[in-house]
Amino acid sequence: MADGEDENFSDPYAVSTDEKGPEDYVRVQVVVLGLQAKNTLQGFKMVKKPANFTVDVKYEDRSFTLLVFAKDKDKKKNPSLKNCKVHIKKLPDEIIPSDCYYKVDKELITIFLHKAKSRSWERDLATHGLDTYTEEDGVSS
């Protein structure tokens, strides 16, 4: 169990989507207030990792779930840090889960979804947005 996993989740501050990432990818940007990033050596390059949160993304063929847990020691120092969850239950089309990834920056998690078909999702995203699921009311929005 990750730090704080048993606690309630709140919605992230903001979520936006576009196709400005690599070709055949959709970019989902999630703003998480208080998220700090630290530079870490991975292989031969520096990458940013979350410093005060644990990030977990589960990708499926037509959906994904982002879980962001504030680390207990950081929550004690800053009680305003909140766990957050984004559950997208139906994407406009299939993705390739093994090719999806995310990057972390200060107060921002950017998820890159690799589309299975090389077609634009721009119209679908502009018209319908992402089909999210909220557990409070048990319905999609």
Protein backbone atom coordinates (compact mmCIF):
# COMPACT_ATOMS: atom_id res chain seq x y z
CA MET A 1 0.00 0.00 0.00
CA ALA A 2 1.42 3.41 -0.97
CA ASP A 3 1.65 6.29 1.48
CA GLY A 4 -1.84 7.62 2.13
CA GLU A 5 -3.55 5.07 -0.13
CA ASP A 6 -6.36 4.51 2.36
CA GLU A 7 -7.36 8.18 2.29
CA ASN A 8 -9.93 9.92 0.13
CA PHE A 9 -9.04 11.39 -3.21
CA SER A 10 -9.82 14.86 -4.48
CA ASP A 11 -10.03 16.02 -8.06
CA PRO A 12 -6.88 17.58 -9.52
CA TYR A 13 -6.88 21.35 -9.93
CA ALA A 14 -7.18 21.11 -13.74
CA VAL A 15 -7.00 18.59 -16.60
CA SER A 16 -6.42 19.48 -20.27
CA THR A 17 -5.78 17.51 -23.46
CA ASP A 18 -4.17 18.17 -26.83
CA GLU A 19 -2.16 16.48 -29.59
CA LYS A 20 0.93 18.69 -29.28
CA GLY A 21 3.19 15.87 -28.09
CA PRO A 22 5.02 13.32 -30.23
CA GLU A 23 3.31 12.04 -33.39
CA ASP A 24 0.47 9.55 -32.71
CA TYR A 25 0.28 10.61 -29.06
CA VAL A 26 -2.35 12.51 -27.10
CA ARG A 27 -1.07 14.65 -24.26
CA VAL A 28 -3.10 14.86 -21.03
CA GLN A 29 -1.92 17.53 -18.60
CA VAL A 30 -2.99 17.25 -14.96
CA VAL A 31 -2.32 20.11 -12.52
CA VAL A 32 -1.64 18.87 -8.97
CA LEU A 33 -1.20 21.74 -6.52
CA GLY A 34 1.85 21.37 -4.30
CA LEU A 35 3.56 18.72 -6.48
CA GLN A 36 7.33 19.19 -6.41
CA ALA A 37 9.74 17.60 -8.90
CA LYS A 38 13.38 16.68 -8.34
CA ASN A 39 16.05 15.86 -10.91
CA THR A 40 17.25 12.25 -10.78
CA LEU A 41 19.86 10.45 -12.85
CA GLN A 42 18.23 7.65 -14.86
CA GLY A 43 20.66 5.79 -17.06
CA PHE A 44 22.75 8.56 -18.63
CA LYS A 45 20.22 11.38 -18.48
CA MET A 46 18.52 13.53 -15.89
CA VAL A 47 14.76 13.09 -15.49
CA LYS A 48 12.30 14.74 -13.13
CA LYS A 49 10.65 12.55 -10.51
CA PRO A 50 8.01 13.52 -7.94
CA ALA A 51 9.62 14.65 -4.68
CA ASN A 52 6.66 14.82 -2.31
CA PHE A 53 4.08 12.60 -4.03
CA THR A 54 3.93 9.05 -5.38
CA VAL A 55 2.53 8.81 -8.92
CA ASP A 56 0.95 5.67 -10.38
CA VAL A 57 -0.68 5.42 -13.82
CA LYS A 58 -2.52 2.30 -14.99
CA TYR A 59 -3.15 2.16 -18.73
CA GLU A 60 -5.73 -0.06 -20.44
CA ASP A 61 -6.83 -0.33 -24.11
CA ARG A 62 -9.52 2.40 -23.86
CA SER A 63 -8.94 3.93 -20.41
CA PHE A 64 -6.41 4.97 -17.80
CA THR A 65 -6.28 5.80 -14.10
CA LEU A 66 -3.88 8.28 -12.51
CA LEU A 67 -3.35 8.03 -8.74
CA VAL A 68 -1.31 10.69 -6.96
CA PHE A 69 -0.51 10.14 -3.27
CA ALA A 70 0.99 12.81 -1.02
CA LYS A 71 3.80 11.24 1.01
CA ASP A 72 2.90 11.03 4.71
CA LYS A 73 5.99 12.93 5.90
CA ASP A 74 5.23 15.79 3.49
CA LYS A 75 1.53 15.83 4.44
CA LYS A 76 2.49 16.36 8.06
CA LYS A 77 4.60 19.37 7.05
CA ASN A 78 1.95 20.69 4.64
CA PRO A 79 -1.62 19.49 5.42
CA SER A 80 -2.95 21.19 2.27
CA LEU A 81 -1.34 18.46 0.10
CA LYS A 82 -4.13 16.22 -1.20
CA ASN A 83 -4.23 12.81 -2.85
CA CYS A 84 -5.88 13.02 -6.25
CA LYS A 85 -7.28 10.63 -8.80
CA VAL A 86 -8.21 10.88 -12.47
CA HIS A 87 -10.09 7.91 -13.89
CA ILE A 88 -10.78 8.14 -17.62
CA LYS A 89 -13.15 5.31 -18.39
CA LYS A 90 -13.56 5.70 -22.14
CA LEU A 91 -11.06 7.25 -24.52
CA PRO A 92 -12.14 8.21 -28.07
CA ASP A 93 -10.19 5.23 -29.46
CA GLU A 94 -7.74 2.52 -28.38
CA ILE A 95 -4.25 3.21 -27.05
CA ILE A 96 -1.14 1.03 -26.80
CA PRO A 97 -0.69 0.77 -23.01
CA SER A 98 2.92 -0.46 -23.18
CA ASP A 99 3.95 2.68 -25.13
CA CYS A 100 2.22 5.20 -22.84
CA TYR A 101 4.25 7.16 -20.30
CA TYR A 102 4.20 10.25 -18.11
CA LYS A 103 6.50 13.10 -17.10
CA VAL A 104 6.51 15.14 -13.91
CA ASP A 105 7.23 18.83 -13.46
CA LYS A 106 6.39 21.35 -10.74
CA GLU A 107 2.62 21.05 -10.11
CA LEU A 108 2.15 19.24 -13.45
CA ILE A 109 1.89 15.62 -14.59
CA THR A 110 1.88 15.17 -18.37
CA ILE A 111 0.59 11.81 -19.60
CA PHE A 112 1.41 10.71 -23.15
CA LEU A 113 -1.12 8.23 -24.58
CA HIS A 114 0.07 6.35 -27.68
CA LYS A 115 -2.88 6.05 -30.07
CA ALA A 116 -3.36 2.61 -31.66
CA LYS A 117 -4.67 4.26 -34.86
CA SER A 118 -3.04 7.25 -36.49
CA ARG A 119 -6.07 9.54 -36.47
CA SER A 120 -6.76 12.84 -34.77
CA TRP A 121 -8.79 12.86 -31.55
CA GLU A 122 -9.07 16.66 -31.68
CA ARG A 123 -12.76 16.75 -32.67
CA ASP A 124 -13.72 14.05 -30.13
CA LEU A 125 -11.86 15.81 -27.33
CA ALA A 126 -13.29 19.23 -28.22
CA THR A 127 -16.85 17.89 -28.46
CA HIS A 128 -16.97 15.36 -25.63
CA GLY A 129 -13.81 15.83 -23.59
CA LEU A 130 -12.58 12.84 -21.63
CA ASP A 131 -15.20 10.46 -20.21
CA THR A 132 -14.36 10.57 -16.51
CA TYR A 133 -15.74 8.61 -13.61
CA THR A 134 -16.37 10.15 -10.21
CA GLU A 135 -16.87 7.80 -7.29
CA GLU A 136 -18.86 10.30 -5.20
CA ASP A 137 -21.88 10.11 -7.46
CA GLY A 138 -21.05 6.85 -9.24
CA VAL A 139 -21.65 8.35 -12.69
CA SER A 140 -19.53 9.38 -15.62
CA SER A 141 -19.19 12.99 -16.70
